[in-house]
N, C-alpha and C. Protein backbone atom coordinates (compact mmCIF):
# COMPACT_ATOMS: atom_id res chain seq x y z
N MET A 1 58.69 127.11 129.47
CA MET A 1 59.57 125.97 129.51
C MET A 1 60.05 125.59 128.10
N THR A 2 59.13 125.59 127.16
CA THR A 2 59.49 125.26 125.79
C THR A 2 60.43 126.29 125.21
N ALA A 3 60.23 127.54 125.56
CA ALA A 3 61.09 128.60 125.05
C ALA A 3 62.52 128.44 125.57
N VAL A 4 62.64 128.00 126.79
CA VAL A 4 63.98 127.80 127.36
C VAL A 4 64.69 126.65 126.65
N LEU A 5 63.95 125.55 126.40
CA LEU A 5 64.55 124.41 125.70
C LEU A 5 64.95 124.79 124.27
N LEU A 6 64.11 125.54 123.59
CA LEU A 6 64.45 126.00 122.25
C LEU A 6 65.67 126.91 122.28
N ALA A 7 65.77 127.76 123.28
CA ALA A 7 66.92 128.66 123.41
C ALA A 7 68.18 127.87 123.68
N LEU A 8 68.08 126.83 124.48
CA LEU A 8 69.25 126.00 124.77
C LEU A 8 69.75 125.26 123.53
N LEU A 9 68.86 124.94 122.61
CA LEU A 9 69.27 124.30 121.37
C LEU A 9 69.68 125.31 120.31
N PHE A 10 69.02 126.46 120.30
CA PHE A 10 69.24 127.45 119.25
C PHE A 10 70.54 128.22 119.44
N ILE A 11 70.85 128.61 120.67
CA ILE A 11 72.04 129.41 120.93
C ILE A 11 73.32 128.65 120.60
N PRO A 12 73.50 127.39 121.01
CA PRO A 12 74.72 126.67 120.60
C PRO A 12 74.83 126.49 119.10
N ALA A 13 73.69 126.35 118.44
CA ALA A 13 73.72 126.22 116.98
C ALA A 13 74.20 127.52 116.35
N LEU A 14 73.73 128.65 116.87
CA LEU A 14 74.17 129.94 116.35
C LEU A 14 75.65 130.16 116.62
N VAL A 15 76.13 129.76 117.77
CA VAL A 15 77.55 129.90 118.10
C VAL A 15 78.39 129.05 117.16
N ALA A 16 77.94 127.82 116.90
CA ALA A 16 78.69 126.94 116.00
C ALA A 16 78.74 127.51 114.59
N ILE A 17 77.63 128.03 114.11
CA ILE A 17 77.58 128.63 112.77
C ILE A 17 78.49 129.86 112.72
N ALA A 18 78.46 130.67 113.76
CA ALA A 18 79.30 131.87 113.79
C ALA A 18 80.78 131.48 113.80
N LEU A 19 81.15 130.46 114.54
CA LEU A 19 82.54 130.03 114.56
C LEU A 19 82.99 129.53 113.19
N VAL A 20 82.13 128.78 112.54
CA VAL A 20 82.49 128.27 111.21
C VAL A 20 82.66 129.40 110.22
N LEU A 21 81.78 130.40 110.30
CA LEU A 21 81.84 131.50 109.34
C LEU A 21 82.93 132.52 109.66
N LEU A 22 83.21 132.75 110.92
CA LEU A 22 84.13 133.82 111.29
C LEU A 22 85.57 133.36 111.45
N VAL A 23 85.79 132.14 111.91
CA VAL A 23 87.15 131.66 112.11
C VAL A 23 87.64 131.03 110.82
N ARG A 24 88.60 131.68 110.23
CA ARG A 24 89.15 131.20 108.95
C ARG A 24 90.45 130.44 109.22
N ARG A 25 90.49 129.24 108.76
CA ARG A 25 91.73 128.47 108.84
C ARG A 25 92.47 128.62 107.52
N PRO A 26 93.79 128.61 107.57
CA PRO A 26 94.53 128.72 106.30
C PRO A 26 94.25 127.50 105.41
N VAL A 27 94.08 127.79 104.15
CA VAL A 27 93.82 126.74 103.18
C VAL A 27 95.15 126.19 102.71
N ARG A 28 95.29 124.90 102.78
CA ARG A 28 96.52 124.25 102.34
C ARG A 28 96.29 123.61 100.98
N VAL A 29 97.13 123.95 100.06
CA VAL A 29 97.04 123.38 98.72
C VAL A 29 98.25 122.49 98.52
N LEU A 30 97.99 121.23 98.24
CA LEU A 30 99.08 120.31 98.00
C LEU A 30 99.56 120.47 96.57
N ALA A 31 100.85 120.52 96.41
CA ALA A 31 101.41 120.65 95.07
C ALA A 31 101.26 119.33 94.33
N GLU A 32 100.80 119.42 93.12
CA GLU A 32 100.63 118.23 92.30
C GLU A 32 101.96 117.91 91.63
N VAL A 33 102.32 116.66 91.69
CA VAL A 33 103.58 116.24 91.08
C VAL A 33 103.37 116.16 89.58
N ALA A 34 104.22 116.87 88.87
CA ALA A 34 104.13 116.88 87.41
C ALA A 34 104.84 115.65 86.86
N VAL A 35 104.17 114.98 85.96
CA VAL A 35 104.75 113.81 85.32
C VAL A 35 105.76 114.29 84.28
N PRO A 36 106.95 113.73 84.29
CA PRO A 36 107.93 114.18 83.30
C PRO A 36 107.46 113.81 81.89
N PRO A 37 107.80 114.64 80.92
CA PRO A 37 107.37 114.34 79.56
C PRO A 37 107.97 113.03 79.06
N ALA A 38 107.21 112.34 78.26
CA ALA A 38 107.68 111.07 77.72
C ALA A 38 108.80 111.29 76.73
N SER A 39 109.80 110.47 76.84
CA SER A 39 110.91 110.55 75.89
C SER A 39 111.28 109.14 75.47
N ILE A 40 111.66 109.01 74.25
CA ILE A 40 112.03 107.71 73.71
C ILE A 40 113.54 107.61 73.75
N SER A 41 114.01 106.61 74.47
CA SER A 41 115.45 106.40 74.50
C SER A 41 115.78 105.19 73.64
N GLY A 42 116.86 105.25 72.99
CA GLY A 42 117.24 104.12 72.14
C GLY A 42 116.62 104.25 70.76
N SER A 43 115.95 103.22 70.35
CA SER A 43 115.35 103.18 69.02
C SER A 43 114.25 104.24 68.89
N VAL A 44 114.24 104.92 67.75
CA VAL A 44 113.25 105.95 67.52
C VAL A 44 111.90 105.33 67.19
N ASP A 45 111.90 104.18 66.53
CA ASP A 45 110.66 103.52 66.12
C ASP A 45 110.31 102.44 67.14
N PRO A 46 109.30 102.68 68.00
CA PRO A 46 108.96 101.70 69.03
C PRO A 46 108.37 100.42 68.43
N ILE A 47 107.71 100.54 67.28
CA ILE A 47 107.13 99.35 66.64
C ILE A 47 108.25 98.41 66.18
N ALA A 48 109.31 98.99 65.64
CA ALA A 48 110.44 98.16 65.21
C ALA A 48 111.10 97.49 66.41
N THR A 49 111.18 98.21 67.52
CA THR A 49 111.74 97.63 68.74
C THR A 49 110.89 96.46 69.21
N LEU A 50 109.57 96.63 69.21
CA LEU A 50 108.68 95.54 69.60
C LEU A 50 108.81 94.35 68.65
N ASP A 51 108.91 94.63 67.36
CA ASP A 51 109.07 93.54 66.40
C ASP A 51 110.37 92.77 66.64
N ALA A 52 111.45 93.49 66.91
CA ALA A 52 112.73 92.83 67.17
C ALA A 52 112.66 91.98 68.43
N LEU A 53 112.03 92.52 69.48
CA LEU A 53 111.91 91.76 70.72
C LEU A 53 111.01 90.54 70.55
N LEU A 54 109.94 90.68 69.79
CA LEU A 54 109.06 89.53 69.54
C LEU A 54 109.78 88.47 68.73
N ALA A 55 110.56 88.88 67.73
CA ALA A 55 111.32 87.91 66.95
C ALA A 55 112.34 87.20 67.83
N GLU A 56 112.98 87.93 68.72
CA GLU A 56 113.95 87.31 69.63
C GLU A 56 113.26 86.34 70.58
N LEU A 57 112.07 86.72 71.04
CA LEU A 57 111.32 85.86 71.95
C LEU A 57 110.81 84.61 71.25
N GLU A 58 110.37 84.76 69.99
CA GLU A 58 109.90 83.60 69.23
C GLU A 58 111.05 82.63 68.93
N GLY A 59 112.24 83.18 68.70
CA GLY A 59 113.38 82.33 68.38
C GLY A 59 113.92 81.59 69.60
N ALA A 60 113.61 82.09 70.78
CA ALA A 60 114.11 81.45 71.99
C ALA A 60 113.24 80.25 72.34
N SER A 61 113.87 79.22 72.84
CA SER A 61 113.12 78.06 73.30
C SER A 61 113.72 77.60 74.62
N LEU A 62 113.00 76.80 75.34
CA LEU A 62 113.49 76.31 76.63
C LEU A 62 114.73 75.44 76.48
N ALA A 63 114.87 74.78 75.35
CA ALA A 63 116.04 73.93 75.15
C ALA A 63 117.29 74.78 74.95
N ASP A 64 117.15 75.91 74.25
CA ASP A 64 118.31 76.74 73.96
C ASP A 64 118.66 77.70 75.11
N ASN A 65 117.65 78.27 75.72
CA ASN A 65 117.89 79.30 76.73
C ASN A 65 117.33 78.86 78.08
N SER A 66 117.87 79.44 79.10
CA SER A 66 117.36 79.14 80.43
C SER A 66 116.10 79.96 80.69
N VAL A 67 115.42 79.60 81.73
CA VAL A 67 114.20 80.31 82.10
C VAL A 67 114.51 81.77 82.46
N VAL A 68 115.67 81.98 83.04
CA VAL A 68 116.06 83.35 83.42
C VAL A 68 116.19 84.22 82.19
N GLN A 69 116.78 83.70 81.12
CA GLN A 69 116.93 84.48 79.90
C GLN A 69 115.56 84.77 79.27
N LEU A 70 114.67 83.78 79.32
CA LEU A 70 113.33 84.02 78.78
C LEU A 70 112.59 85.07 79.61
N GLU A 71 112.78 85.06 80.91
CA GLU A 71 112.16 86.08 81.75
C GLU A 71 112.74 87.46 81.45
N GLN A 72 114.02 87.53 81.17
CA GLN A 72 114.64 88.82 80.81
C GLN A 72 114.07 89.33 79.50
N LEU A 73 113.87 88.43 78.54
CA LEU A 73 113.26 88.83 77.27
C LEU A 73 111.83 89.32 77.50
N ALA A 74 111.10 88.63 78.35
CA ALA A 74 109.72 89.06 78.64
C ALA A 74 109.71 90.43 79.32
N ASP A 75 110.67 90.68 80.22
CA ASP A 75 110.76 91.99 80.87
C ASP A 75 111.06 93.09 79.86
N LYS A 76 111.96 92.81 78.92
CA LYS A 76 112.27 93.79 77.87
C LYS A 76 111.03 94.10 77.04
N LEU A 77 110.27 93.05 76.73
CA LEU A 77 109.06 93.22 75.93
C LEU A 77 108.03 94.06 76.68
N GLU A 78 107.87 93.81 77.97
CA GLU A 78 106.93 94.59 78.77
C GLU A 78 107.38 96.05 78.86
N ALA A 79 108.68 96.28 79.01
CA ALA A 79 109.18 97.66 79.07
C ALA A 79 108.95 98.39 77.75
N ALA A 80 109.16 97.68 76.65
CA ALA A 80 108.94 98.30 75.34
C ALA A 80 107.46 98.59 75.14
N ALA A 81 106.61 97.69 75.58
CA ALA A 81 105.17 97.92 75.46
C ALA A 81 104.73 99.10 76.32
N ALA A 82 105.31 99.23 77.49
CA ALA A 82 104.97 100.37 78.36
C ALA A 82 105.43 101.68 77.74
N SER A 83 106.58 101.68 77.12
CA SER A 83 107.05 102.91 76.47
C SER A 83 106.20 103.25 75.26
N LEU A 84 105.68 102.22 74.60
CA LEU A 84 104.79 102.46 73.46
C LEU A 84 103.47 103.05 73.92
N GLU A 85 102.99 102.66 75.08
CA GLU A 85 101.74 103.23 75.60
C GLU A 85 101.92 104.73 75.88
N ARG A 86 103.08 105.15 76.36
CA ARG A 86 103.34 106.56 76.66
C ARG A 86 103.50 107.39 75.41
N VAL A 87 103.91 106.74 74.31
CA VAL A 87 104.18 107.50 73.07
C VAL A 87 102.88 108.02 72.48
N GLY A 88 101.87 107.23 72.50
CA GLY A 88 100.68 107.79 71.89
C GLY A 88 99.63 106.82 71.72
């Protein structure tokens, strides 16, 4: 009786192992997206660009400029900082 129970457990295990080893499924390799190389557009010196944007931002005040203009300056500063991170 014990031998029959062991056979009932052992044979399906052998069949499963044989299927895994013998049946080959095609391997799919996903292509990795290549990041385009960093390029500096506009000013060659990113530090000078950041300095100019900071000076423009410091000179701006709520009395002189609207909030929208200050947000545009902040967006320019963030973009310049992001380009500086890519440079090195």
